[in-house]
Structure formats: C-alpha cells, structure tokens
C-alpha cells in the first residue's frame, strides 16, 4: 500500500455512515434558511405552531431570529462540506459529535427554563443527543482495520 492509499483510508469508523449523518444534520439545519429573509413570518409561524399565539413585533426578536438562522445556515454548509471528505475532517467531525452530546443537556435546560412545550424540549435535546451519539459511533466503530499485505510490516 503506498502513502496515497493509506492517506485516503480512515483509521477507524464508518465513512459512509459519517457522511450520511452529517448530511442529515446539514439538511435539517437548512430549515432555518427562510427565517433569514422573513424572520417576522418565521417567528409568527413557529410561535403559533408551539401554541404561544402571535408574538409581538420586537426588533430584538427579529434580529435574534435572523442572526441565529444565519448561524444554522453556516453550520449546515460546513457540515455538508465536511461530509465530502470525512477522512480529512475527522477531527472536526469527532468534535461535532462531542459538541452535540454536550448541547443535548444544555438544550434541555434552556427549553425547560424558557417554558417550551414538551415536544419541543424533546425534539431539541434528543436530536442533539442522538445526532451526537450516532456521529461518534460512526467515527469510532464499524470500520475495517487495514491489514498490511506484507506480514513483516
């Protein structure tokens, strides 16, 4: 095996599953795109969906909605780009997995203290926990160890 071949193979993990998980998380994050350009409408629709009724028109609310949506969009693009070369970006992918695991309990705490409905609390915290766990499983398990062709190597 030459140096180029060894560089293109992951040390461990399942690259196909990593790619799939990253792209699913990315696709879900793209849901924030309309809120960048129509934040008032997005806030109103989401507020009604959660059972809070129509929210007041506050400049800070619109600003925060647009800003947070931009961050989600940037995350979506970065995750998609990392999914294109999971071997090269493995350290970042592992970091993302651990970050999602850490953010699961944090979202739980934030949502409970904000008084969010239970289905939203579960959606936020469980999606982070499950996404992080599956991403880490894909990074650490399921790979086939490379077997050297030369027994003395």
N, C-alpha and C. Protein backbone atom coordinates (compact mmCIF):
# COMPACT_ATOMS: atom_id res chain seq x y z
N UNK A 1 0.86 -1.17 0.00
CA UNK A 1 0.00 0.00 0.00
C UNK A 1 0.90 1.23 0.00
N UNK A 2 0.66 2.12 -0.95
CA UNK A 2 1.51 3.31 -1.00
C UNK A 2 0.96 4.38 -0.05
N UNK A 3 1.71 5.46 0.06
CA UNK A 3 1.34 6.51 1.01
C UNK A 3 0.00 7.17 0.67
N UNK A 4 -0.29 7.34 -0.62
CA UNK A 4 -1.55 7.97 -1.04
C UNK A 4 -2.74 7.12 -0.64
N UNK A 5 -2.63 5.80 -0.79
CA UNK A 5 -3.74 4.91 -0.41
C UNK A 5 -3.97 4.94 1.09
N UNK A 6 -2.88 4.95 1.87
CA UNK A 6 -3.05 4.94 3.33
C UNK A 6 -3.65 6.25 3.81
N UNK A 7 -3.38 7.36 3.10
CA UNK A 7 -3.94 8.65 3.50
C UNK A 7 -5.44 8.72 3.22
N UNK A 8 -5.92 7.96 2.24
CA UNK A 8 -7.32 8.06 1.86
C UNK A 8 -8.23 7.12 2.65
N UNK A 9 -7.65 6.24 3.44
CA UNK A 9 -8.46 5.30 4.21
C UNK A 9 -8.57 5.77 5.66
N UNK A 10 -9.74 5.70 6.24
CA UNK A 10 -9.89 6.13 7.62
C UNK A 10 -9.23 5.13 8.57
N UNK A 11 -8.74 5.63 9.69
CA UNK A 11 -8.15 4.74 10.69
C UNK A 11 -9.21 3.85 11.31
N UNK A 12 -10.36 4.39 11.53
CA UNK A 12 -11.47 3.64 12.12
C UNK A 12 -12.76 4.34 11.77
N UNK A 13 -13.83 3.67 12.11
CA UNK A 13 -15.13 4.26 11.85
C UNK A 13 -15.70 3.84 10.51
N UNK A 14 -16.88 4.35 10.27
CA UNK A 14 -17.63 4.02 9.07
C UNK A 14 -17.84 5.31 8.27
N UNK A 15 -17.01 5.54 7.24
CA UNK A 15 -17.11 6.80 6.49
C UNK A 15 -18.48 7.02 5.83
N UNK A 16 -19.11 5.96 5.36
CA UNK A 16 -20.41 6.12 4.71
C UNK A 16 -21.46 6.60 5.71
N UNK A 17 -21.43 6.02 6.92
CA UNK A 17 -22.38 6.44 7.95
C UNK A 17 -22.07 7.87 8.41
N UNK A 18 -20.80 8.20 8.54
CA UNK A 18 -20.43 9.57 8.91
C UNK A 18 -20.99 10.56 7.88
N UNK A 19 -20.79 10.25 6.61
CA UNK A 19 -21.27 11.10 5.52
C UNK A 19 -22.79 11.25 5.60
N UNK A 20 -23.48 10.14 5.81
CA UNK A 20 -24.94 10.17 5.88
C UNK A 20 -25.42 11.01 7.06
N UNK A 21 -24.85 10.79 8.23
CA UNK A 21 -25.27 11.53 9.43
C UNK A 21 -25.00 13.02 9.26
N UNK A 22 -23.83 13.37 8.76
CA UNK A 22 -23.51 14.78 8.55
C UNK A 22 -24.49 15.43 7.57
N UNK A 23 -24.84 14.71 6.53
CA UNK A 23 -25.75 15.28 5.54
C UNK A 23 -27.18 15.39 6.05
N UNK A 24 -27.60 14.47 6.90
CA UNK A 24 -28.93 14.57 7.50
C UNK A 24 -28.99 15.78 8.44
N UNK A 25 -27.98 15.92 9.29
CA UNK A 25 -27.94 17.07 10.20
C UNK A 25 -27.88 18.36 9.39
N UNK A 26 -27.10 18.36 8.33
CA UNK A 26 -27.00 19.54 7.47
C UNK A 26 -28.35 19.88 6.84
N UNK A 27 -29.02 18.88 6.31
CA UNK A 27 -30.32 19.12 5.67
C UNK A 27 -31.33 19.67 6.66
N UNK A 28 -31.33 19.15 7.88
CA UNK A 28 -32.25 19.65 8.90
C UNK A 28 -31.91 21.10 9.25
N UNK A 29 -30.64 21.42 9.29
CA UNK A 29 -30.23 22.80 9.61
C UNK A 29 -30.63 23.79 8.53
N UNK A 30 -30.76 23.33 7.29
CA UNK A 30 -31.17 24.21 6.20
C UNK A 30 -32.61 24.71 6.37
N UNK A 31 -33.35 24.12 7.28
CA UNK A 31 -34.72 24.58 7.56
C UNK A 31 -34.72 26.04 8.01
N UNK A 32 -33.61 26.50 8.57
CA UNK A 32 -33.52 27.87 9.08
C UNK A 32 -33.41 28.92 7.97
N UNK A 33 -33.18 28.52 6.73
CA UNK A 33 -32.96 29.46 5.64
C UNK A 33 -34.07 30.51 5.49
N UNK A 34 -35.34 30.13 5.47
CA UNK A 34 -36.38 31.16 5.30
C UNK A 34 -36.39 32.21 6.41
N UNK A 35 -35.98 31.82 7.61
CA UNK A 35 -36.01 32.77 8.73
C UNK A 35 -34.98 33.88 8.58
N UNK A 36 -34.00 33.70 7.72
CA UNK A 36 -33.02 34.77 7.48
C UNK A 36 -33.69 35.91 6.72
N UNK A 37 -34.50 35.54 5.74
CA UNK A 37 -35.08 36.54 4.84
C UNK A 37 -36.49 36.98 5.25
N UNK A 38 -37.18 36.16 6.03
CA UNK A 38 -38.52 36.50 6.50
C UNK A 38 -38.63 36.17 7.99
N UNK A 39 -37.85 36.85 8.82
CA UNK A 39 -37.82 36.48 10.24
C UNK A 39 -39.14 36.69 10.96
N UNK A 40 -39.86 37.78 10.65
CA UNK A 40 -41.13 38.02 11.34
C UNK A 40 -42.12 36.91 11.04
N UNK A 41 -42.22 36.51 9.77
CA UNK A 41 -43.14 35.44 9.40
C UNK A 41 -42.72 34.12 10.05
N UNK A 42 -41.40 33.85 10.08
CA UNK A 42 -40.91 32.62 10.67
C UNK A 42 -41.23 32.56 12.17
N UNK A 43 -41.02 33.68 12.86
CA UNK A 43 -41.32 33.74 14.29
C UNK A 43 -42.81 33.53 14.53
N UNK A 44 -43.63 34.18 13.73
CA UNK A 44 -45.08 34.03 13.89
C UNK A 44 -45.52 32.59 13.67
N UNK A 45 -45.05 31.98 12.59
CA UNK A 45 -45.45 30.59 12.29
C UNK A 45 -44.98 29.64 13.38
N UNK A 46 -43.73 29.79 13.82
CA UNK A 46 -43.18 28.91 14.84
C UNK A 46 -43.88 29.12 16.17
N UNK A 47 -44.18 30.36 16.49
CA UNK A 47 -44.86 30.66 17.75
C UNK A 47 -46.26 30.05 17.78
N UNK A 48 -46.98 30.15 16.70
CA UNK A 48 -48.33 29.56 16.62
C UNK A 48 -48.23 28.04 16.69
N UNK A 49 -47.25 27.48 15.98
CA UNK A 49 -47.04 26.02 16.00
C UNK A 49 -46.79 25.51 17.41
N UNK A 50 -46.07 26.28 18.20
CA UNK A 50 -45.77 25.89 19.58
C UNK A 50 -46.90 26.20 20.55
N UNK A 51 -47.93 26.87 20.07
CA UNK A 51 -49.07 27.15 20.93
C UNK A 51 -48.96 28.43 21.73
N UNK A 52 -48.06 29.33 21.35
CA UNK A 52 -47.87 30.57 22.08
C UNK A 52 -48.69 31.72 21.52
N UNK A 53 -49.33 31.54 20.38
CA UNK A 53 -50.08 32.62 19.75
C UNK A 53 -49.16 33.54 18.97
N UNK A 54 -49.72 34.67 18.52
CA UNK A 54 -48.95 35.61 17.72
C UNK A 54 -48.03 36.43 18.62
N UNK A 55 -46.73 36.45 18.29
CA UNK A 55 -45.78 37.20 19.13
C UNK A 55 -45.80 38.69 18.78
N UNK A 56 -45.34 39.52 19.69
CA UNK A 56 -45.25 40.95 19.39
C UNK A 56 -44.13 41.21 18.38
N UNK A 57 -44.26 42.29 17.64
CA UNK A 57 -43.21 42.67 16.69
C UNK A 57 -42.15 43.46 17.45
N UNK A 58 -41.06 42.77 17.79
CA UNK A 58 -39.97 43.41 18.52
C UNK A 58 -38.70 43.36 17.66
N UNK A 59 -38.04 44.49 17.50
CA UNK A 59 -36.82 44.48 16.69
C UNK A 59 -35.76 43.48 17.18
N UNK A 60 -35.62 43.34 18.49
CA UNK A 60 -34.63 42.41 19.03
C UNK A 60 -34.97 40.96 18.66
N UNK A 61 -36.24 40.62 18.69
CA UNK A 61 -36.68 39.28 18.33
C UNK A 61 -36.37 38.98 16.86
N UNK A 62 -36.62 39.94 16.01
CA UNK A 62 -36.34 39.78 14.58
C UNK A 62 -34.83 39.66 14.36
N UNK A 63 -34.06 40.50 15.02
CA UNK A 63 -32.60 40.47 14.92
C UNK A 63 -32.05 39.11 15.38
N UNK A 64 -32.51 38.64 16.52
CA UNK A 64 -32.02 37.36 17.06
C UNK A 64 -32.43 36.19 16.15
N UNK A 65 -33.62 36.23 15.61
CA UNK A 65 -34.08 35.17 14.72
C UNK A 65 -33.23 35.11 13.46
N UNK A 66 -33.00 36.25 12.84
CA UNK A 66 -32.19 36.29 11.62
C UNK A 66 -30.75 35.87 11.90
N UNK A 67 -30.19 36.36 12.99
CA UNK A 67 -28.81 36.02 13.34
C UNK A 67 -28.63 34.54 13.64
N UNK A 68 -29.53 33.99 14.43
CA UNK A 68 -29.44 32.57 14.75
C UNK A 68 -29.63 31.72 13.50
N UNK A 69 -30.50 32.15 12.63
CA UNK A 69 -30.72 31.41 11.38
C UNK A 69 -29.48 31.44 10.49
N UNK A 70 -28.77 32.54 10.49
CA UNK A 70 -27.51 32.61 9.74
C UNK A 70 -26.49 31.62 10.29
N UNK A 71 -26.44 31.51 11.59
CA UNK A 71 -25.51 30.56 12.21
C UNK A 71 -25.90 29.13 11.84
N UNK A 72 -27.18 28.82 11.88
CA UNK A 72 -27.64 27.48 11.48
C UNK A 72 -27.30 27.20 10.02
N UNK A 73 -27.44 28.20 9.17
CA UNK A 73 -27.13 28.01 7.76
C UNK A 73 -25.63 27.78 7.56
N UNK A 74 -24.81 28.54 8.27
CA UNK A 74 -23.35 28.34 8.19
C UNK A 74 -23.00 26.93 8.67
N UNK A 75 -23.63 26.49 9.75
CA UNK A 75 -23.40 25.13 10.25
C UNK A 75 -23.78 24.10 9.20
N UNK A 76 -24.91 24.31 8.53
CA UNK A 76 -25.36 23.37 7.51
C UNK A 76 -24.34 23.24 6.38
N UNK A 77 -23.84 24.38 5.93
CA UNK A 77 -22.86 24.37 4.85
C UNK A 77 -21.56 23.70 5.30
N UNK A 78 -21.09 24.02 6.50
CA UNK A 78 -19.85 23.41 7.00
C UNK A 78 -19.99 21.90 7.15
N UNK A 79 -21.11 21.44 7.69
CA UNK A 79 -21.31 20.00 7.85
C UNK A 79 -21.36 19.31 6.49
N UNK A 80 -22.01 19.94 5.52
CA UNK A 80 -22.07 19.35 4.18
C UNK A 80 -20.66 19.27 3.58
N UNK A 81 -19.87 20.34 3.73
CA UNK A 81 -18.50 20.33 3.21
C UNK A 81 -17.66 19.26 3.90
N UNK A 82 -17.80 19.12 5.20
CA UNK A 82 -17.05 18.07 5.92
C UNK A 82 -17.48 16.69 5.46
N UNK A 83 -18.74 16.53 5.09
CA UNK A 83 -19.22 15.22 4.65
C UNK A 83 -18.60 14.81 3.31
N UNK A 84 -18.07 15.77 2.58
CA UNK A 84 -17.45 15.46 1.29
C UNK A 84 -16.08 14.80 1.45
N UNK A 85 -15.44 14.95 2.61
CA UNK A 85 -14.14 14.32 2.85
C UNK A 85 -14.03 14.00 4.34
N UNK A 86 -14.69 12.93 4.76
CA UNK A 86 -14.75 12.60 6.19
C UNK A 86 -13.41 12.17 6.75
N UNK A 87 -12.52 11.67 5.92
CA UNK A 87 -11.19 11.28 6.40
C UNK A 87 -10.39 12.53 6.76
N UNK A 88 -10.39 13.48 5.88
CA UNK A 88 -9.63 14.72 6.10
C UNK A 88 -10.15 15.50 7.31
N UNK A 89 -11.48 15.55 7.45
CA UNK A 89 -12.08 16.37 8.50
C UNK A 89 -12.46 15.57 9.75
N UNK A 90 -11.90 14.40 9.90
CA UNK A 90 -12.26 13.54 11.03
C UNK A 90 -12.16 14.24 12.38
N UNK A 91 -11.07 14.97 12.68
CA UNK A 91 -11.03 15.65 13.99
C UNK A 91 -12.19 16.62 14.21
N UNK A 92 -12.59 17.35 13.18
CA UNK A 92 -13.73 18.26 13.30
C UNK A 92 -15.04 17.51 13.46
N UNK A 93 -15.16 16.38 12.76
CA UNK A 93 -16.38 15.58 12.85
C UNK A 93 -16.52 14.99 14.25
N UNK A 94 -15.41 14.50 14.80
CA UNK A 94 -15.44 13.97 16.18
C UNK A 94 -15.81 15.09 17.15
N UNK A 95 -15.23 16.28 16.96
CA UNK A 95 -15.58 17.42 17.80
C UNK A 95 -17.08 17.71 17.72
N UNK A 96 -17.63 17.70 16.50
CA UNK A 96 -19.07 17.96 16.33
C UNK A 96 -19.90 16.93 17.10
N UNK A 97 -19.50 15.67 17.03
CA UNK A 97 -20.22 14.63 17.77
C UNK A 97 -20.23 14.90 19.26
N UNK A 98 -19.07 15.23 19.81
CA UNK A 98 -19.00 15.52 21.25
C UNK A 98 -19.76 16.80 21.59
N UNK A 99 -19.69 17.80 20.71
CA UNK A 99 -20.41 19.05 20.95
C UNK A 99 -21.92 18.81 20.98
N UNK A 100 -22.42 18.01 20.04
CA UNK A 100 -23.86 17.70 20.05
C UNK A 100 -24.25 16.96 21.32
N UNK A 101 -23.40 16.06 21.77
CA UNK A 101 -23.71 15.36 23.04
C UNK A 101 -23.76 16.35 24.20
N UNK A 102 -22.85 17.30 24.21
CA UNK A 102 -22.83 18.30 25.29
C UNK A 102 -24.03 19.25 25.20
N UNK A 103 -24.44 19.58 23.96
CA UNK A 103 -25.54 20.53 23.79
C UNK A 103 -26.90 19.91 24.08
N UNK A 104 -27.01 18.60 24.04
CA UNK A 104 -28.29 17.95 24.35
C UNK A 104 -28.81 18.34 25.72
N UNK A 105 -28.03 18.11 26.78
CA UNK A 105 -28.48 18.53 28.11
C UNK A 105 -28.63 20.05 28.24
N UNK A 106 -27.80 20.79 27.53
CA UNK A 106 -27.90 22.25 27.58
C UNK A 106 -29.22 22.72 26.97
N UNK A 107 -29.60 22.15 25.82
CA UNK A 107 -30.90 22.49 25.22
C UNK A 107 -32.04 22.07 26.15
N UNK A 108 -31.90 20.95 26.81
CA UNK A 108 -32.92 20.50 27.77
C UNK A 108 -33.12 21.56 28.84
N UNK A 109 -32.03 22.03 29.41
CA UNK A 109 -32.08 23.04 30.47
C UNK A 109 -32.68 24.35 29.94
N UNK A 110 -32.20 24.80 28.78
CA UNK A 110 -32.69 26.06 28.20
C UNK A 110 -34.19 25.97 27.91
N UNK A 111 -34.60 24.89 27.24
CA UNK A 111 -36.01 24.76 26.86
C UNK A 111 -36.93 24.66 28.06
N UNK A 112 -36.52 23.94 29.07
CA UNK A 112 -37.35 23.82 30.28
C UNK A 112 -37.47 25.18 30.96
N UNK A 113 -36.35 25.89 31.10
CA UNK A 113 -36.40 27.21 31.75
C UNK A 113 -37.14 28.25 30.93
N UNK A 114 -37.17 28.07 29.59
CA UNK A 114 -37.90 29.01 28.74
C UNK A 114 -39.39 28.69 28.69
N UNK A 115 -39.79 27.54 29.22
CA UNK A 115 -41.19 27.17 29.22
C UNK A 115 -41.68 26.62 27.88
N UNK A 116 -40.78 25.99 27.15
CA UNK A 116 -41.16 25.43 25.85
C UNK A 116 -42.04 24.19 26.05
N UNK A 117 -42.89 23.90 25.08
CA UNK A 117 -43.73 22.69 25.18
C UNK A 117 -42.86 21.44 25.20
N UNK A 118 -43.40 20.38 25.80
CA UNK A 118 -42.60 19.17 25.99
C UNK A 118 -42.12 18.56 24.67
N UNK A 119 -42.93 18.63 23.61
CA UNK A 119 -42.48 18.06 22.34
C UNK A 119 -41.28 18.83 21.78
N UNK A 120 -41.22 20.13 22.02
CA UNK A 120 -40.07 20.92 21.56
C UNK A 120 -38.85 20.64 22.42
N UNK A 121 -39.06 20.48 23.72
CA UNK A 121 -37.96 20.13 24.62
C UNK A 121 -37.35 18.81 24.17
N UNK A 122 -38.20 17.82 23.90
CA UNK A 122 -37.71 16.51 23.46
C UNK A 122 -37.03 16.61 22.10
N UNK A 123 -37.60 17.36 21.19
CA UNK A 123 -37.02 17.48 19.85
C UNK A 123 -35.62 18.10 19.91
N UNK A 124 -35.46 19.17 20.67
CA UNK A 124 -34.16 19.83 20.77
C UNK A 124 -33.12 18.93 21.43
N UNK A 125 -33.43 18.48 22.63
CA UNK A 125 -32.42 17.75 23.39
C UNK A 125 -32.15 16.37 22.81
N UNK A 126 -33.20 15.64 22.43
CA UNK A 126 -32.98 14.29 21.90
C UNK A 126 -32.31 14.30 20.54
N UNK A 127 -32.64 15.27 19.70
CA UNK A 127 -31.99 15.31 18.39
C UNK A 127 -30.49 15.56 18.53
N UNK A 128 -30.10 16.42 19.48
CA UNK A 128 -28.68 16.64 19.72
C UNK A 128 -28.01 15.39 20.28
N UNK A 129 -28.64 14.77 21.27
CA UNK A 129 -28.05 13.58 21.87
C UNK A 129 -27.92 12.44 20.86
N UNK A 130 -28.99 12.19 20.13
CA UNK A 130 -28.97 11.09 19.15
C UNK A 130 -28.00 11.40 18.01
N UNK A 131 -28.06 12.63 17.49
CA UNK A 131 -27.15 13.01 16.41
C UNK A 131 -25.70 12.89 16.82
N UNK A 132 -25.38 13.37 18.02
CA UNK A 132 -24.00 13.28 18.51
C UNK A 132 -23.57 11.84 18.73
N UNK A 133 -24.45 11.05 19.33
CA UNK A 133 -24.11 9.65 19.60
C UNK A 133 -23.90 8.86 18.31
N UNK A 134 -24.80 9.04 17.35
CA UNK A 134 -24.67 8.31 16.08
C UNK A 134 -23.42 8.77 15.34
N UNK A 135 -23.13 10.05 15.37
CA UNK A 135 -21.94 10.55 14.71
C UNK A 135 -20.68 9.97 15.34
N UNK A 136 -20.63 9.90 16.66
CA UNK A 136 -19.46 9.33 17.32
C UNK A 136 -19.34 7.83 17.07
N UNK A 137 -20.47 7.13 17.06
CA UNK A 137 -20.43 5.69 16.72
C UNK A 137 -19.88 5.52 15.32
N UNK A 138 -20.33 6.37 14.40
CA UNK A 138 -19.84 6.30 13.02
C UNK A 138 -18.35 6.61 12.92
N UNK A 139 -17.84 7.43 13.83
CA UNK A 139 -16.42 7.79 13.81
C UNK A 139 -15.53 6.73 14.45
N UNK A 140 -16.04 6.02 15.43
CA UNK A 140 -15.19 5.11 16.19
C UNK A 140 -15.44 3.63 15.93
N UNK A 141 -16.59 3.27 15.40
CA UNK A 141 -16.92 1.85 15.24
C UNK A 141 -17.32 1.55 13.81
N UNK A 142 -17.23 0.30 13.46
CA UNK A 142 -17.73 -0.15 12.17
C UNK A 142 -16.72 -0.13 11.05
N UNK A 143 -15.54 0.40 11.30
CA UNK A 143 -14.52 0.41 10.27
C UNK A 143 -13.79 -0.91 10.20
N UNK A 144 -13.22 -1.19 9.09
CA UNK A 144 -12.44 -2.40 8.94
C UNK A 144 -10.97 -2.03 9.09
N UNK A 145 -10.27 -2.68 10.02
CA UNK A 145 -8.86 -2.35 10.18
C UNK A 145 -8.09 -2.73 8.92
N UNK A 146 -7.16 -1.88 8.55
CA UNK A 146 -6.38 -2.18 7.36
C UNK A 146 -5.35 -3.26 7.71
N UNK A 147 -5.29 -4.28 6.89
CA UNK A 147 -4.38 -5.39 7.10
C UNK A 147 -3.22 -5.23 6.13
N UNK A 148 -1.99 -5.13 6.65
CA UNK A 148 -0.87 -4.96 5.75
C UNK A 148 -0.66 -6.21 4.88
N UNK A 149 -0.28 -5.99 3.61
CA UNK A 149 -0.06 -7.09 2.69
C UNK A 149 1.21 -7.85 3.04
N UNK A 150 2.18 -7.13 3.57
CA UNK A 150 3.44 -7.76 3.96
C UNK A 150 3.35 -8.14 5.43
N UNK A 151 3.45 -9.44 5.77
CA UNK A 151 3.32 -9.83 7.17
C UNK A 151 4.38 -9.25 8.08
N UNK A 152 5.51 -8.83 7.51
CA UNK A 152 6.59 -8.25 8.34
C UNK A 152 6.38 -6.77 8.59
N UNK A 153 5.41 -6.17 7.91
CA UNK A 153 5.20 -4.71 8.04
C UNK A 153 4.48 -4.38 9.31
